[in-house]
C-alpha atoms as a PDB file:
ATOM      1  CA  MET A   1       0.989  -8.642  14.604  1.00  0.00           C
ATOM      2  CA  LYS A   2       3.054 -11.345  13.256  1.00  0.00           C
ATOM      3  CA  ASN A   3       3.069 -14.856  14.676  1.00  0.00           C
ATOM      4  CA  THR A   4       6.527 -15.913  14.171  1.00  0.00           C
ATOM      5  CA  GLN A   5       6.328 -19.494  15.177  1.00  0.00           C
ATOM      6  CA  LYS A   6       3.308 -20.180  12.864  1.00  0.00           C
ATOM      7  CA  ASN A   7       4.378 -17.465  10.268  1.00  0.00           C
ATOM      8  CA  GLU A   8       0.947 -16.058  10.506  1.00  0.00           C
ATOM      9  CA  LEU A   9      -0.277 -12.312  10.242  1.00  0.00           C
ATOM     10  CA  ALA A  10      -3.120 -10.965  12.192  1.00  0.00           C
ATOM     11  CA  VAL A  11      -5.641  -9.166  10.021  1.00  0.00           C
ATOM     12  CA  CYS A  12      -7.937  -7.023  12.057  1.00  0.00           C
ATOM     13  CA  GLY A  13     -10.520  -4.113  11.553  1.00  0.00           C
ATOM     14  CA  TYR A  14     -14.084  -4.688  10.246  1.00  0.00           C
ATOM     15  CA  ALA A  15     -13.543  -3.302   6.684  1.00  0.00           C
ATOM     16  CA  ALA A  16     -10.177  -5.175   6.176  1.00  0.00           C
ATOM     17  CA  VAL A  17     -11.481  -8.618   7.368  1.00  0.00           C
ATOM     18  CA  LYS A  18     -14.906  -8.052   5.631  1.00  0.00           C
ATOM     19  CA  LYS A  19     -13.039  -7.721   2.272  1.00  0.00           C
ATOM     20  CA  LEU A  20     -10.656 -10.369   2.976  1.00  0.00           C
ATOM     21  CA  ALA A  21     -13.625 -12.803   3.586  1.00  0.00           C
ATOM     22  CA  GLU A  22     -15.275 -11.739   0.390  1.00  0.00           C
ATOM     23  CA  LYS A  23     -12.251 -11.714  -1.904  1.00  0.00           C
ATOM     24  CA  ASN A  24      -9.996 -14.264  -0.623  1.00  0.00           C
ATOM     25  CA  PRO A  25     -11.528 -16.433   2.142  1.00  0.00           C
ATOM     26  CA  ASP A  26      -9.122 -19.353   1.370  1.00  0.00           C
ATOM     27  CA  LYS A  27      -6.368 -17.206   2.858  1.00  0.00           C
ATOM     28  CA  ILE A  28      -7.915 -17.394   6.269  1.00  0.00           C
ATOM     29  CA  LYS A  29      -6.496 -20.069   8.470  1.00  0.00           C
ATOM     30  CA  ARG A  30      -8.364 -19.198  11.814  1.00  0.00           C
ATOM     31  CA  PHE A  31     -11.067 -16.701  12.625  1.00  0.00           C
ATOM     32  CA  TYR A  32     -11.976 -14.880  15.809  1.00  0.00           C
ATOM     33  CA  PHE A  33     -14.902 -12.581  16.465  1.00  0.00           C
ATOM     34  CA  THR A  34     -16.870 -11.005  19.414  1.00  0.00           C
ATOM     35  CA  GLN A  35     -20.574 -11.600  20.153  1.00  0.00           C
ATOM     36  CA  GLU A  36     -21.700  -8.571  18.439  1.00  0.00           C
ATOM     37  CA  ARG A  37     -20.016  -9.414  15.143  1.00  0.00           C
ATOM     38  CA  MET A  38     -21.138 -13.035  15.007  1.00  0.00           C
ATOM     39  CA  GLY A  39     -24.068 -12.534  12.778  1.00  0.00           C
ATOM     40  CA  GLU A  40     -22.033 -10.606  10.064  1.00  0.00           C
ATOM     41  CA  PHE A  41     -19.721 -13.413   8.981  1.00  0.00           C
ATOM     42  CA  GLY A  42     -21.896 -16.452   8.784  1.00  0.00           C
ATOM     43  CA  ASP A  43     -20.950 -17.192   5.276  1.00  0.00           C
ATOM     44  CA  LEU A  44     -17.218 -17.028   6.211  1.00  0.00           C
ATOM     45  CA  CYS A  45     -17.874 -19.531   9.054  1.00  0.00           C
ATOM     46  CA  LYS A  46     -19.621 -21.934   6.743  1.00  0.00           C
ATOM     47  CA  ILE A  47     -16.497 -21.667   4.361  1.00  0.00           C
ATOM     48  CA  LEU A  48     -14.054 -22.287   7.251  1.00  0.00           C
ATOM     49  CA  ALA A  49     -16.191 -25.215   8.562  1.00  0.00           C
ATOM     50  CA  SER A  50     -16.179 -26.877   5.321  1.00  0.00           C
ATOM     51  CA  LYS A  51     -12.542 -26.629   5.187  1.00  0.00           C
ATOM     52  CA  LYS A  52     -12.126 -27.653   8.805  1.00  0.00           C
ATOM     53  CA  ARG A  53     -10.588 -24.412   9.874  1.00  0.00           C
ATOM     54  CA  PRO A  54     -11.282 -23.023  13.292  1.00  0.00           C
ATOM     55  CA  TYR A  55     -13.542 -20.036  14.131  1.00  0.00           C
ATOM     56  CA  ASN A  56     -14.336 -19.003  17.582  1.00  0.00           C
ATOM     57  CA  LYS A  57     -16.333 -16.362  19.560  1.00  0.00           C
ATOM     58  CA  VAL A  58     -13.927 -14.584  22.107  1.00  0.00           C
ATOM     59  CA  SER A  59     -13.840 -11.476  24.246  1.00  0.00           C
ATOM     60  CA  GLU A  60     -12.306  -8.164  23.004  1.00  0.00           C
ATOM     61  CA  ASP A  61      -9.582  -8.694  25.482  1.00  0.00           C
ATOM     62  CA  GLU A  62      -8.834 -12.006  23.835  1.00  0.00           C
ATOM     63  CA  LEU A  63      -8.874 -10.215  20.483  1.00  0.00           C
ATOM     64  CA  LEU A  64      -6.352  -7.643  21.723  1.00  0.00           C
ATOM     65  CA  LYS A  65      -4.020 -10.421  22.661  1.00  0.00           C
ATOM     66  CA  ILE A  66      -4.365 -12.278  19.339  1.00  0.00           C
ATOM     67  CA  CYS A  67      -3.782  -9.398  17.214  1.00  0.00           C
ATOM     68  CA  GLY A  68      -1.865  -6.820  19.332  1.00  0.00           C
ATOM     69  CA  SER A  69      -4.105  -3.926  18.487  1.00  0.00           C
ATOM     70  CA  VAL A  70      -6.937  -2.110  20.177  1.00  0.00           C
ATOM     71  CA  HIS A  71      -8.441  -1.252  16.924  1.00  0.00           C
ATOM     72  CA  HIS A  72      -9.377  -4.870  15.909  1.00  0.00           C
ATOM     73  CA  GLN A  73     -13.345  -3.756  15.892  1.00  0.00           C
ATOM     74  CA  GLY A  74     -14.329  -7.058  16.914  1.00  0.00           C
ATOM     75  CA  VAL A  75     -12.797  -9.341  14.085  1.00  0.00           C
ATOM     76  CA  VAL A  76      -9.404 -10.990  13.604  1.00  0.00           C
ATOM     77  CA  ALA A  77      -8.564 -13.185  10.847  1.00  0.00           C
ATOM     78  CA  MET A  78      -5.203 -15.096  10.916  1.00  0.00           C
ATOM     79  CA  ILE A  79      -3.447 -15.629   7.491  1.00  0.00           C
ATOM     80  CA  GLU A  80       0.005 -16.813   6.392  1.00  0.00           C
ATOM     81  CA  GLN A  81       2.492 -14.034   6.405  1.00  0.00           C
ATOM     82  CA  PRO A  82       2.300 -12.600   2.956  1.00  0.00           C
ATOM     83  CA  GLU A  83       5.232 -13.434   0.821  1.00  0.00           C
ATOM     84  CA  ILE A  84       6.375 -10.485  -1.650  1.00  0.00           C
ATOM     85  CA  GLU A  85       7.416 -11.566  -5.001  1.00  0.00           C
ATOM     86  CA  PRO A  86      10.695 -10.293  -6.265  1.00  0.00           C
ATOM     87  CA  LEU A  87      10.165  -8.105  -9.365  1.00  0.00           C
ATOM     88  CA  ASN A  88      11.739  -9.381 -12.555  1.00  0.00           C
ATOM     89  CA  SER A  89      11.653  -8.476 -16.269  1.00  0.00           C
ATOM     90  CA  ALA A  90       8.880 -10.804 -17.136  1.00  0.00           C
ATOM     91  CA  ILE A  91       6.581  -9.015 -14.742  1.00  0.00           C
ATOM     92  CA  THR A  92       7.349  -5.662 -15.917  1.00  0.00           C
ATOM     93  CA  ASP A  93       7.203  -6.776 -19.649  1.00  0.00           C
ATOM     94  CA  GLU A  94       3.604  -7.991 -18.753  1.00  0.00           C
ATOM     95  CA  TRP A  95       2.905  -4.422 -17.156  1.00  0.00           C
ATOM     96  CA  LEU A  96       4.197  -2.687 -20.418  1.00  0.00           C
ATOM     97  CA  HIS A  97       1.965  -5.148 -22.618  1.00  0.00           C
ATOM     98  CA  LYS A  98      -1.034  -4.385 -20.423  1.00  0.00           C
ATOM     99  CA  LYS A  99      -0.075  -0.587 -19.997  1.00  0.00           C
ATOM    100  CA  GLU A 100      -0.208  -0.904 -16.319  1.00  0.00           C
ATOM    101  CA  SER A 101       1.242   1.677 -14.250  1.00  0.00           C
ATOM    102  CA  ALA A 102       2.959   1.094 -10.755  1.00  0.00           C
ATOM    103  CA  LEU A 103       4.001   2.851  -7.504  1.00  0.00           C
ATOM    104  CA  LEU A 104       7.549   2.492  -6.207  1.00  0.00           C
ATOM    105  CA  LEU A 105       7.921   3.385  -2.467  1.00  0.00           C
ATOM    106  CA  ASP A 106      11.433   4.640  -1.533  1.00  0.00           C
ATOM    107  CA  ARG A 107      11.745   3.683   1.979  1.00  0.00           C
ATOM    108  CA  VAL A 108       8.170   4.621   3.205  1.00  0.00           C
ATOM    109  CA  GLY A 109       8.744   3.630   6.780  1.00  0.00           C
ATOM    110  CA  ASN A 110       5.462   4.132   8.568  1.00  0.00           C
ATOM    111  CA  ALA A 111       3.079   1.011   8.297  1.00  0.00           C
ATOM    112  CA  ASN A 112      -0.024   3.401   8.611  1.00  0.00           C
ATOM    113  CA  ASN A 113       1.203   5.352   5.524  1.00  0.00           C
ATOM    114  CA  LEU A 114       1.681   2.231   3.689  1.00  0.00           C
ATOM    115  CA  GLY A 115      -1.808   1.191   4.432  1.00  0.00           C
ATOM    116  CA  ALA A 116      -3.146   4.469   3.347  1.00  0.00           C
ATOM    117  CA  ILE A 117      -1.135   4.281   0.082  1.00  0.00           C
ATOM    118  CA  VAL A 118      -2.646   0.812  -0.496  1.00  0.00           C
ATOM    119  CA  ARG A 119      -6.049   2.072   0.145  1.00  0.00           C
ATOM    120  CA  SER A 120      -5.721   5.052  -2.398  1.00  0.00           C
ATOM    121  CA  ALA A 121      -3.994   2.641  -4.997  1.00  0.00           C
ATOM    122  CA  ALA A 122      -6.943   0.255  -4.731  1.00  0.00           C
ATOM    123  CA  PHE A 123      -9.415   3.173  -5.044  1.00  0.00           C
ATOM    124  CA  PHE A 124      -7.866   4.462  -8.207  1.00  0.00           C
ATOM    125  CA  GLY A 125      -7.070   1.149  -9.810  1.00  0.00           C
ATOM    126  CA  CYS A 126      -3.276   0.954  -9.486  1.00  0.00           C
ATOM    127  CA  LYS A 127      -2.634  -2.497  -8.392  1.00  0.00           C
ATOM    128  CA  ASN A 128       1.276  -2.693  -8.671  1.00  0.00           C
ATOM    129  CA  ILE A 129       3.358  -1.584  -5.683  1.00  0.00           C
ATOM    130  CA  ILE A 130       7.012  -2.077  -5.455  1.00  0.00           C
ATOM    131  CA  ILE A 131       8.989  -1.871  -2.215  1.00  0.00           C
ATOM    132  CA  PRO A 132      12.793  -2.105  -1.647  1.00  0.00           C
ATOM    133  CA  LEU A 133      14.520  -4.768   0.385  1.00  0.00           C
ATOM    134  CA  ASP A 134      15.462  -2.093   3.048  1.00  0.00           C
ATOM    135  CA  GLU A 135      14.957  -2.179   6.719  1.00  0.00           C
ATOM    136  CA  ALA A 136      13.818   1.516   6.453  1.00  0.00           C
ATOM    137  CA  GLN A 137      10.860   0.273   4.320  1.00  0.00           C
ATOM    138  CA  SER A 138       7.597  -0.837   5.991  1.00  0.00           C
ATOM    139  CA  SER A 139       6.039  -4.044   4.813  1.00  0.00           C
ATOM    140  CA  ILE A 140       2.798  -5.773   5.054  1.00  0.00           C
ATOM    141  CA  THR A 141       1.710  -5.676   8.751  1.00  0.00           C
ATOM    142  CA  THR A 142      -1.403  -5.867  10.833  1.00  0.00           C
ATOM    143  CA  SER A 143      -1.462  -2.004  10.938  1.00  0.00           C
ATOM    144  CA  SER A 144      -0.989  -1.420   7.162  1.00  0.00           C
ATOM    145  CA  TYR A 145      -3.634  -4.427   6.403  1.00  0.00           C
ATOM    146  CA  ARG A 146      -5.990  -2.603   8.733  1.00  0.00           C
ATOM    147  CA  VAL A 147      -5.526   1.078   7.466  1.00  0.00           C
ATOM    148  CA  ALA A 148      -5.844  -0.213   3.992  1.00  0.00           C
ATOM    149  CA  GLN A 149      -9.495  -0.807   4.647  1.00  0.00           C
ATOM    150  CA  GLY A 150      -9.663  -3.863   2.469  1.00  0.00           C
ATOM    151  CA  GLY A 151      -7.480  -2.375  -0.383  1.00  0.00           C
ATOM    152  CA  MET A 152      -4.781  -5.293   0.132  1.00  0.00           C
ATOM    153  CA  GLU A 153      -7.027  -7.447  -1.564  1.00  0.00           C
ATOM    154  CA  PHE A 154      -6.763  -5.412  -4.812  1.00  0.00           C
ATOM    155  CA  VAL A 155      -2.961  -4.790  -5.085  1.00  0.00           C
ATOM    156  CA  GLU A 156       0.041  -6.805  -5.570  1.00  0.00           C
ATOM    157  CA  PHE A 157       3.295  -6.210  -3.956  1.00  0.00           C
ATOM    158  CA  PHE A 158       6.876  -6.703  -5.525  1.00  0.00           C
ATOM    159  CA  SER A 159      10.163  -6.216  -4.022  1.00  0.00           C
ATOM    160  CA  VAL A 160      13.440  -5.051  -5.445  1.00  0.00           C
ATOM    161  CA  LYS A 161      17.089  -5.001  -4.217  1.00  0.00           C
ATOM    162  CA  SER A 162      17.952  -1.738  -5.829  1.00  0.00           C
ATOM    163  CA  ILE A 163      15.523   1.133  -6.888  1.00  0.00           C
ATOM    164  CA  PRO A 164      18.187   2.845  -9.036  1.00  0.00           C
ATOM    165  CA  ASN A 165      18.846  -0.236 -10.959  1.00  0.00           C
ATOM    166  CA  LEU A 166      15.120  -0.756 -11.553  1.00  0.00           C
ATOM    167  CA  LEU A 167      14.721   2.647 -12.760  1.00  0.00           C
ATOM    168  CA  LYS A 168      17.639   2.216 -15.220  1.00  0.00           C
ATOM    169  CA  ALA A 169      16.155  -1.020 -16.462  1.00  0.00           C
ATOM    170  CA  LEU A 170      12.784   0.792 -17.047  1.00  0.00           C
ATOM    171  CA  LYS A 171      14.354   3.841 -18.947  1.00  0.00           C
ATOM    172  CA  GLY A 172      12.354   4.622 -22.143  1.00  0.00           C
ATOM    173  CA  LYS A 173       9.839   1.804 -21.129  1.00  0.00           C
ATOM    174  CA  MET A 174       7.779   3.469 -18.400  1.00  0.00           C
ATOM    175  CA  VAL A 175       7.488   7.222 -17.633  1.00  0.00           C
ATOM    176  CA  ARG A 176       9.468   7.520 -14.354  1.00  0.00           C
ATOM    177  CA  ILE A 177       7.985  10.312 -12.268  1.00  0.00           C
ATOM    178  CA  GLY A 178       9.455  11.288  -8.824  1.00  0.00           C
ATOM    179  CA  THR A 179       8.042  13.470  -6.199  1.00  0.00           C
ATOM    180  CA  GLU A 180      10.114  16.453  -4.906  1.00  0.00           C
ATOM    181  CA  VAL A 181       9.264  19.546  -2.811  1.00  0.00           C
ATOM    182  CA  ASN A 182      11.787  21.896  -4.545  1.00  0.00           C
ATOM    183  CA  THR A 183      10.943  21.559  -8.265  1.00  0.00           C
ATOM    184  CA  LYS A 184       8.758  23.743 -10.710  1.00  0.00           C
ATOM    185  CA  LYS A 185       6.509  21.226 -12.432  1.00  0.00           C
ATOM    186  CA  THR A 186       3.372  20.551 -10.434  1.00  0.00           C
ATOM    187  CA  VAL A 187       1.275  17.404 -10.234  1.00  0.00           C
ATOM    188  CA  ASP A 188      -1.295  18.639 -12.616  1.00  0.00           C
ATOM    189  CA  CYS A 189       1.467  18.252 -15.412  1.00  0.00           C
ATOM    190  CA  ILE A 190       1.126  14.371 -15.323  1.00  0.00           C
ATOM    191  CA  LYS A 191      -1.313  14.657 -18.108  1.00  0.00           C
ATOM    192  CA  ASN A 192       1.374  16.269 -20.300  1.00  0.00           C
ATOM    193  CA  LEU A 193       4.203  13.658 -19.129  1.00  0.00           C
ATOM    194  CA  THR A 194       2.249  10.737 -19.886  1.00  0.00           C
ATOM    195  CA  GLY A 195       1.334   9.325 -23.228  1.00  0.00           C
ATOM    196  CA  LYS A 196       1.197   5.785 -24.396  1.00  0.00           C
ATOM    197  CA  LYS A 197       3.694   4.413 -21.932  1.00  0.00           C
ATOM    198  CA  PRO A 198       2.526   3.277 -18.570  1.00  0.00           C
ATOM    199  CA  VAL A 199       3.794   5.489 -15.432  1.00  0.00           C
ATOM    200  CA  LEU A 200       5.919   4.625 -12.586  1.00  0.00           C
ATOM    201  CA  ILE A 201       5.404   7.026  -9.602  1.00  0.00           C
ATOM    202  CA  VAL A 202       8.183   7.093  -7.025  1.00  0.00           C
ATOM    203  CA  LEU A 203       7.088   8.161  -3.421  1.00  0.00           C
ATOM    204  CA  GLY A 204       9.837   8.974  -0.819  1.00  0.00           C
ATOM    205  CA  ASN A 205      10.515   8.452   2.609  1.00  0.00           C
ATOM    206  CA  GLU A 206       8.463  10.452   5.113  1.00  0.00           C
ATOM    207  CA  GLU A 207      11.513  12.594   6.397  1.00  0.00           C
ATOM    208  CA  HIS A 208      14.038  12.786   3.601  1.00  0.00           C
ATOM    209  CA  GLY A 209      11.773  12.133   0.444  1.00  0.00           C
ATOM    210  CA  ILE A 210      13.297  10.204  -2.535  1.00  0.00           C
ATOM    211  CA  SER A 211      17.156   9.763  -2.595  1.00  0.00           C
ATOM    212  CA  LYS A 212      19.503  11.734  -4.701  1.00  0.00           C
ATOM    213  CA  GLU A 213      20.299   8.644  -6.913  1.00  0.00           C
ATOM    214  CA  VAL A 214      16.607   7.844  -7.351  1.00  0.00           C
ATOM    215  CA  LYS A 215      15.994  11.425  -8.446  1.00  0.00           C
ATOM    216  CA  GLU A 216      18.786  11.265 -11.000  1.00  0.00           C
ATOM    217  CA  ASN A 217      17.002   8.285 -12.601  1.00  0.00           C
ATOM    218  CA  CYS A 218      13.579   9.735 -12.939  1.00  0.00           C
ATOM    219  CA  ASP A 219      12.337  11.343 -16.210  1.00  0.00           C
ATOM    220  CA  GLU A 220      10.582  13.975 -14.417  1.00  0.00           C
ATOM    221  CA  LEU A 221      10.024  15.371 -10.851  1.00  0.00           C
ATOM    222  CA  ILE A 222       6.833  16.825  -9.572  1.00  0.00           C
ATOM    223  CA  THR A 223       5.481  18.672  -6.721  1.00  0.00           C
ATOM    224  CA  ILE A 224       2.069  19.319  -5.189  1.00  0.00           C
ATOM    225  CA  PRO A 225       1.747  23.200  -4.959  1.00  0.00           C
ATOM    226  CA  PHE A 226       0.629  25.087  -2.076  1.00  0.00           C
ATOM    227  CA  GLY A 227      -2.995  26.210  -1.895  1.00  0.00           C
ATOM    228  CA  ALA A 228      -3.479  29.946  -3.097  1.00  0.00           C
ATOM    229  CA  GLY A 229      -3.942  32.585  -0.471  1.00  0.00           C
ATOM    230  CA  PHE A 230      -1.924  31.096   2.360  1.00  0.00           C
ATOM    231  CA  PRO A 231       0.132  33.543   4.518  1.00  0.00           C
ATOM    232  CA  THR A 232       3.886  33.257   4.118  1.00  0.00           C
ATOM    233  CA  GLU A 233       4.422  32.013   7.559  1.00  0.00           C
ATOM    234  CA  GLU A 234       1.928  29.229   7.081  1.00  0.00           C
ATOM    235  CA  VAL A 235       3.617  27.989   3.871  1.00  0.00           C
ATOM    236  CA  GLN A 236       6.848  27.929   5.538  1.00  0.00           C
ATOM    237  CA  ALA A 237       5.359  25.951   8.622  1.00  0.00           C
ATOM    238  CA  ILE A 238       3.914  23.180   6.359  1.00  0.00           C
ATOM    239  CA  GLU A 239       6.482  22.241   3.744  1.00  0.00           C
ATOM    240  CA  SER A 240       4.794  19.310   2.300  1.00  0.00           C
ATOM    241  CA  LEU A 241       1.871  16.817   2.424  1.00  0.00           C
ATOM    242  CA  ASN A 242       2.059  13.375   4.198  1.00  0.00           C
ATOM    243  CA  VAL A 243       3.284  10.856   1.636  1.00  0.00           C
ATOM    244  CA  ALA A 244      -0.153   9.096   1.750  1.00  0.00           C
ATOM    245  CA  GLN A 245      -2.110  12.368   1.196  1.00  0.00           C
ATOM    246  CA  ALA A 246       0.328  13.054  -1.770  1.00  0.00           C
ATOM    247  CA  ALA A 247      -0.117   9.537  -3.183  1.00  0.00           C
ATOM    248  CA  ALA A 248      -3.873  10.016  -3.251  1.00  0.00           C
ATOM    249  CA  ILE A 249      -3.611  13.412  -5.098  1.00  0.00           C
ATOM    250  CA  ILE A 250      -1.252  11.989  -7.656  1.00  0.00           C
ATOM    251  CA  LEU A 251      -3.103   9.055  -8.271  1.00  0.00           C
ATOM    252  CA  TYR A 252      -6.284  11.103  -8.790  1.00  0.00           C
ATOM    253  CA  GLU A 253      -4.304  13.230 -11.303  1.00  0.00           C
ATOM    254  CA  MET A 254      -3.142  10.041 -13.226  1.00  0.00           C
ATOM    255  CA  ARG A 255      -6.715   8.840 -13.268  1.00  0.00           C
ATOM    256  CA  LYS A 256      -7.907  11.937 -14.949  1.00  0.00           C
END
């Protein structure tokens, strides 16, 4: 939930707030907790007290009003609304120098999916996430922060105006791999597609996948194959995995 008057974002959920408190306590402007959680955030309260920032014990109903979610798990931290840095050549040049890979999201619209992708990216050590400046693309929200389970503290977001233009600019510099249901190369081919260059994985919209123009600017398209032994009717019923599930599998294969 965003507080538009104060340009704040509510971070809720035990794992998300706990990791925020451990890694980036300076981001927290205000902190609210229930009686049950009071003893678990003593160190954070000491830090906030030293900075003269408020922290208060409140009821679960009050937490619901503060964060707008029933999934607060007894804690809510208010932070400034995260600003997403525009991606530029200096940043991508640093990725190339450090051989850092990245995830590029082509209009992933569900906040929970975004949070799950962030969680997987943090788990597998892929810290760079690019999103388009498009109203169809979910950004950093209370829901995505909570679902990321602390992963937001280990990734960096960057924005682009045009995904095709970015892909064109990175041609020959990064291995540009898109996801596509109807293609022959499977995800386990990643080890053969990557070499000394870092990888840019493009994940598509939940309903339409990656756009035609984006596909045309990828070096390769890969798919996650159906499991062996499924009856034909089941294969037809489930065409593809959820984008967040697909991200986890692809990131695992990259890590291998």
